[in-house]
N, C-alpha and C. Protein backbone atom coordinates (compact mmCIF):
# COMPACT_ATOMS: atom_id res chain seq x y z
N MET A 1 -0.28 -21.28 12.98
CA MET A 1 -0.23 -21.81 11.35
C MET A 1 -0.62 -20.14 10.71
N THR A 2 0.35 -20.03 9.62
CA THR A 2 0.53 -18.93 8.85
C THR A 2 -0.59 -18.80 7.84
N ARG A 3 -1.18 -17.96 7.64
CA ARG A 3 -2.08 -17.54 6.81
C ARG A 3 -1.67 -17.36 5.82
N MET A 4 -1.82 -17.81 4.33
CA MET A 4 -1.46 -17.85 3.08
C MET A 4 -2.39 -17.34 1.98
N VAL A 5 -1.84 -16.23 1.07
CA VAL A 5 -2.74 -15.44 0.04
C VAL A 5 -2.21 -15.26 -1.55
N GLN A 6 -2.99 -15.22 -2.10
CA GLN A 6 -2.63 -15.18 -3.37
C GLN A 6 -2.58 -13.81 -3.77
N CYS A 7 -0.48 -13.40 -3.15
CA CYS A 7 -0.67 -12.24 -3.12
C CYS A 7 -0.86 -11.47 -4.97
N VAL A 8 -1.97 -10.60 -5.17
CA VAL A 8 -2.14 -9.60 -6.44
C VAL A 8 -0.97 -8.66 -6.80
N LYS A 9 -0.09 -8.61 -5.50
CA LYS A 9 1.52 -7.65 -5.73
C LYS A 9 2.20 -8.80 -6.27
N LEU A 10 2.91 -9.44 -5.80
CA LEU A 10 3.80 -10.28 -6.58
C LEU A 10 3.45 -11.32 -7.31
N GLY A 11 2.59 -11.60 -7.33
CA GLY A 11 1.97 -12.67 -8.30
C GLY A 11 1.69 -14.15 -7.90
N LYS A 12 2.00 -14.59 -6.70
CA LYS A 12 2.66 -15.67 -6.12
C LYS A 12 1.69 -15.79 -4.71
N GLU A 13 1.76 -16.97 -3.97
CA GLU A 13 1.34 -17.28 -2.92
C GLU A 13 2.22 -16.99 -1.75
N ALA A 14 2.16 -16.55 -1.03
CA ALA A 14 2.74 -15.88 -0.13
C ALA A 14 1.86 -16.01 1.39
N GLU A 15 2.65 -15.65 2.68
CA GLU A 15 2.48 -15.42 3.92
C GLU A 15 1.51 -14.02 3.82
N GLY A 16 0.24 -14.32 4.30
CA GLY A 16 -0.80 -13.01 4.77
C GLY A 16 -0.37 -12.22 5.71
N LEU A 17 -1.64 -11.42 6.01
CA LEU A 17 -1.47 -10.33 7.07
C LEU A 17 -2.21 -10.95 8.22
N LYS A 18 -1.87 -10.62 9.25
CA LYS A 18 -2.39 -11.07 10.22
C LYS A 18 -3.85 -10.45 10.98
N VAL A 19 -4.03 -9.17 10.73
CA VAL A 19 -4.95 -8.54 10.57
C VAL A 19 -5.47 -7.74 10.00
N GLN A 20 -6.92 -7.44 9.11
CA GLN A 20 -6.87 -6.22 8.24
C GLN A 20 -6.28 -4.89 8.63
N PRO A 21 -5.39 -4.46 7.93
CA PRO A 21 -4.71 -3.28 7.94
C PRO A 21 -5.20 -1.75 8.09
N TYR A 22 -6.30 -1.61 7.12
CA TYR A 22 -7.01 -0.37 6.88
C TYR A 22 -8.20 -1.23 7.25
N PRO A 23 -9.53 0.00 7.42
CA PRO A 23 -10.81 -0.23 7.74
C PRO A 23 -11.49 -0.22 6.19
N GLY A 24 -12.23 -0.30 6.17
CA GLY A 24 -13.91 -0.35 5.23
C GLY A 24 -13.40 -1.63 3.82
N GLU A 25 -13.83 -1.38 3.20
CA GLU A 25 -13.58 -2.82 2.12
C GLU A 25 -12.54 -2.61 1.47
N LEU A 26 -11.96 -1.44 1.20
CA LEU A 26 -10.55 -1.23 1.21
C LEU A 26 -9.60 -2.00 2.00
N GLY A 27 -9.66 -2.17 3.17
CA GLY A 27 -8.64 -2.95 4.13
C GLY A 27 -8.96 -4.20 4.14
N LYS A 28 -10.57 -4.99 3.71
CA LYS A 28 -10.82 -6.20 3.54
C LYS A 28 -10.34 -6.56 2.33
N LYS A 29 -10.50 -5.68 1.21
CA LYS A 29 -9.78 -6.24 0.10
C LYS A 29 -8.40 -6.80 -0.08
N VAL A 30 -7.54 -5.79 0.64
CA VAL A 30 -6.10 -6.01 0.92
C VAL A 30 -5.79 -7.04 1.88
N PHE A 31 -6.57 -7.15 2.99
CA PHE A 31 -6.40 -8.48 3.90
C PHE A 31 -6.74 -10.16 3.03
N GLU A 32 -7.44 -9.80 2.12
CA GLU A 32 -7.67 -11.25 1.40
C GLU A 32 -7.31 -11.35 0.53
N ASN A 33 -5.65 -10.17 -0.12
CA ASN A 33 -5.36 -10.42 -1.55
C ASN A 33 -3.88 -10.14 -1.55
N VAL A 34 -3.17 -9.64 -0.13
CA VAL A 34 -2.50 -9.21 -0.17
C VAL A 34 -0.92 -9.44 0.83
N SER A 35 -0.18 -10.11 0.25
CA SER A 35 0.73 -10.50 1.26
C SER A 35 1.45 -9.72 2.43
N LEU A 36 1.95 -10.04 3.52
CA LEU A 36 2.91 -9.36 4.17
C LEU A 36 3.89 -8.20 3.60
N GLU A 37 4.62 -9.05 2.70
CA GLU A 37 5.22 -8.84 2.34
C GLU A 37 5.30 -7.43 1.55
N ALA A 38 3.86 -7.86 0.46
CA ALA A 38 3.81 -6.37 -0.30
C ALA A 38 2.99 -5.47 0.69
N TRP A 39 2.59 -5.43 1.86
CA TRP A 39 2.07 -4.58 2.76
C TRP A 39 3.78 -3.65 2.77
N GLN A 40 4.27 -4.41 2.85
CA GLN A 40 5.47 -3.35 3.89
C GLN A 40 6.07 -2.74 2.59
N MET A 41 5.98 -3.63 1.19
CA MET A 41 6.35 -2.66 0.03
C MET A 41 5.51 -1.19 0.14
N TRP A 42 3.97 -1.25 0.06
CA TRP A 42 3.37 -0.15 0.53
C TRP A 42 3.60 0.64 1.78
N LEU A 43 4.24 0.04 2.77
CA LEU A 43 4.35 1.42 3.64
C LEU A 43 5.44 1.92 3.44
N LYS A 44 6.71 1.08 2.82
CA LYS A 44 7.33 2.12 2.54
C LYS A 44 7.54 3.60 1.45
N HIS A 45 6.56 2.61 0.48
CA HIS A 45 5.88 3.67 -0.39
C HIS A 45 4.49 4.83 0.38
N GLN A 46 4.39 4.55 1.19
CA GLN A 46 3.51 5.71 1.79
C GLN A 46 4.04 6.30 2.42
N THR A 47 5.06 6.04 2.96
CA THR A 47 5.89 7.07 3.72
C THR A 47 6.97 7.66 2.82
N MET A 48 7.07 7.30 1.91
CA MET A 48 7.49 8.76 0.58
C MET A 48 7.10 9.62 0.16
N LEU A 49 5.39 8.83 0.03
CA LEU A 49 4.30 9.80 -0.63
C LEU A 49 3.84 10.78 0.61
N ILE A 50 4.18 10.71 2.16
CA ILE A 50 4.19 11.30 2.96
C ILE A 50 4.56 12.49 3.22
N ASN A 51 5.90 12.17 3.24
CA ASN A 51 7.19 12.92 3.21
C ASN A 51 7.41 13.92 1.56
N GLU A 52 7.39 13.53 0.66
CA GLU A 52 7.56 14.44 -0.47
C GLU A 52 6.17 15.23 -0.54
N TYR A 53 5.01 15.06 -0.66
CA TYR A 53 3.58 15.55 -0.32
C TYR A 53 3.44 16.42 0.70
N ARG A 54 4.39 15.96 1.52
CA ARG A 54 3.89 16.97 3.08
C ARG A 54 2.62 16.74 3.38
N LEU A 55 2.14 15.24 3.61
CA LEU A 55 0.78 15.02 3.56
C LEU A 55 0.74 14.93 5.58
N SER A 56 -0.14 15.17 5.76
CA SER A 56 -0.78 15.36 7.02
C SER A 56 -2.16 13.59 7.41
N PRO A 57 -1.06 12.35 7.62
CA PRO A 57 -2.41 11.61 7.82
C PRO A 57 -4.02 11.80 8.80
N ILE A 58 -3.66 12.95 9.54
CA ILE A 58 -5.32 13.40 10.06
C ILE A 58 -5.98 14.25 8.83
N ASP A 59 -5.20 14.32 7.90
CA ASP A 59 -6.53 15.52 6.74
C ASP A 59 -7.31 14.57 6.24
N PRO A 60 -8.06 14.91 5.77
CA PRO A 60 -9.03 13.81 5.16
C PRO A 60 -8.66 13.93 3.52
N LYS A 61 -8.40 14.93 3.23
CA LYS A 61 -7.88 15.23 1.68
C LYS A 61 -6.65 14.29 1.75
N ALA A 62 -5.81 14.58 2.26
CA ALA A 62 -4.44 13.51 2.33
C ALA A 62 -5.19 11.90 2.16
N ARG A 63 -5.75 11.71 3.34
CA ARG A 63 -6.53 10.05 3.61
C ARG A 63 -7.03 9.59 1.89
N LYS A 64 -7.41 10.61 1.49
CA LYS A 64 -8.42 10.03 0.57
C LYS A 64 -7.04 9.92 -0.24
N LEU A 65 -6.04 10.64 -0.46
CA LEU A 65 -4.99 10.34 -1.59
C LEU A 65 -4.39 9.07 -0.90
N LEU A 66 -4.49 8.92 -0.08
CA LEU A 66 -3.51 7.75 -0.09
C LEU A 66 -4.24 6.49 -0.21
N GLU A 67 -5.38 6.83 0.04
CA GLU A 67 -6.33 5.27 -0.21
C GLU A 67 -6.38 5.12 -1.88
N GLN A 68 -5.99 6.38 -2.55
CA GLN A 68 -6.36 5.73 -3.80
C GLN A 68 -5.29 5.65 -4.41
N GLU A 69 -3.92 6.15 -3.81
CA GLU A 69 -2.62 5.27 -4.43
C GLU A 69 -2.27 3.95 -3.75
N MET A 70 -3.16 3.89 -2.77
CA MET A 70 -3.04 2.19 -1.97
C MET A 70 -3.28 1.30 -2.87
N GLU A 71 -4.73 2.15 -3.71
CA GLU A 71 -5.64 1.14 -4.90
C GLU A 71 -4.78 1.25 -5.76
N LYS A 72 -4.49 1.91 -6.23
CA LYS A 72 -3.79 1.80 -7.76
C LYS A 72 -2.40 1.27 -7.13
N PHE A 73 -1.64 0.93 -6.40
CA PHE A 73 -0.55 0.09 -5.88
C PHE A 73 -1.07 -1.45 -5.94
N PHE A 74 -2.01 -1.67 -4.93
CA PHE A 74 -2.13 -3.12 -5.21
C PHE A 74 -3.13 -3.45 -6.46
N PHE A 75 -4.32 -2.96 -6.67
CA PHE A 75 -4.99 -3.14 -8.01
C PHE A 75 -5.15 -2.22 -8.85
N GLY A 76 -4.48 -1.63 -9.37
CA GLY A 76 -4.24 -0.81 -10.68
C GLY A 76 -3.17 -1.00 -11.20
N GLU A 77 -3.14 0.30 -12.02
CA GLU A 77 -1.80 0.31 -12.96
C GLU A 77 -0.77 0.65 -11.66
N GLY A 78 -0.18 0.68 -10.70
CA GLY A 78 0.48 1.12 -9.94
C GLY A 78 0.76 1.88 -9.77
N ALA A 79 1.34 2.12 -8.35
CA ALA A 79 1.76 3.39 -7.95
C ALA A 79 2.12 4.33 -8.26
N SER A 80 2.04 6.15 -8.17
CA SER A 80 2.82 6.88 -8.90
C SER A 80 4.04 7.49 -8.06
N MET A 81 4.78 8.32 -8.71
CA MET A 81 5.72 8.74 -7.99
C MET A 81 5.76 9.61 -8.35
N PRO A 82 5.62 10.84 -6.91
CA PRO A 82 5.40 12.28 -6.87
C PRO A 82 6.49 13.12 -8.33
N PRO A 83 6.02 13.90 -9.35
CA PRO A 83 6.79 14.56 -10.33
C PRO A 83 8.34 14.42 -9.95
N GLU A 84 8.46 14.88 -8.72
CA GLU A 84 9.87 15.44 -8.55
C GLU A 84 10.74 14.41 -7.96
N PHE A 85 10.26 13.56 -7.64
CA PHE A 85 11.13 12.27 -6.81
C PHE A 85 12.27 12.18 -7.30
N ILE A 86 13.32 12.42 -6.73
CA ILE A 86 14.60 11.49 -7.15
C ILE A 86 14.78 10.53 -6.08
N GLN A 87 15.17 9.00 -7.23
CA GLN A 87 15.21 7.73 -6.39
C GLN A 87 16.87 8.24 -5.31
N PRO A 88 16.92 7.86 -4.22
CA PRO A 88 17.87 8.02 -3.13
C PRO A 88 19.03 6.87 -3.65
N LYS A 89 19.98 7.47 -3.77
CA LYS A 89 21.21 6.25 -4.45
C LYS A 89 21.87 5.44 -3.09
N SER A 90 21.70 4.00 -3.14
CA SER A 90 21.83 3.19 -2.54
C SER A 90 23.34 3.35 -1.62
């Protein structure tokens, strides 16, 4: 049976994540309030941030930045784009 959540990002009921995607309180909050579709959106955004800022996920400062951006992406004013980011043409 599919687990459903009221997704804070999409503003609708949608399929939830199967497991907590991130450790700690933030991971629990995401698991309970974010849909699988919205999580996929975050993964794309996170990849862009890692590439644009040349972040190393093993660096504690980079992880802290990504946690802050995840919090904003789902529960705040929305994630920010790097200042010099240019959206690729499809």
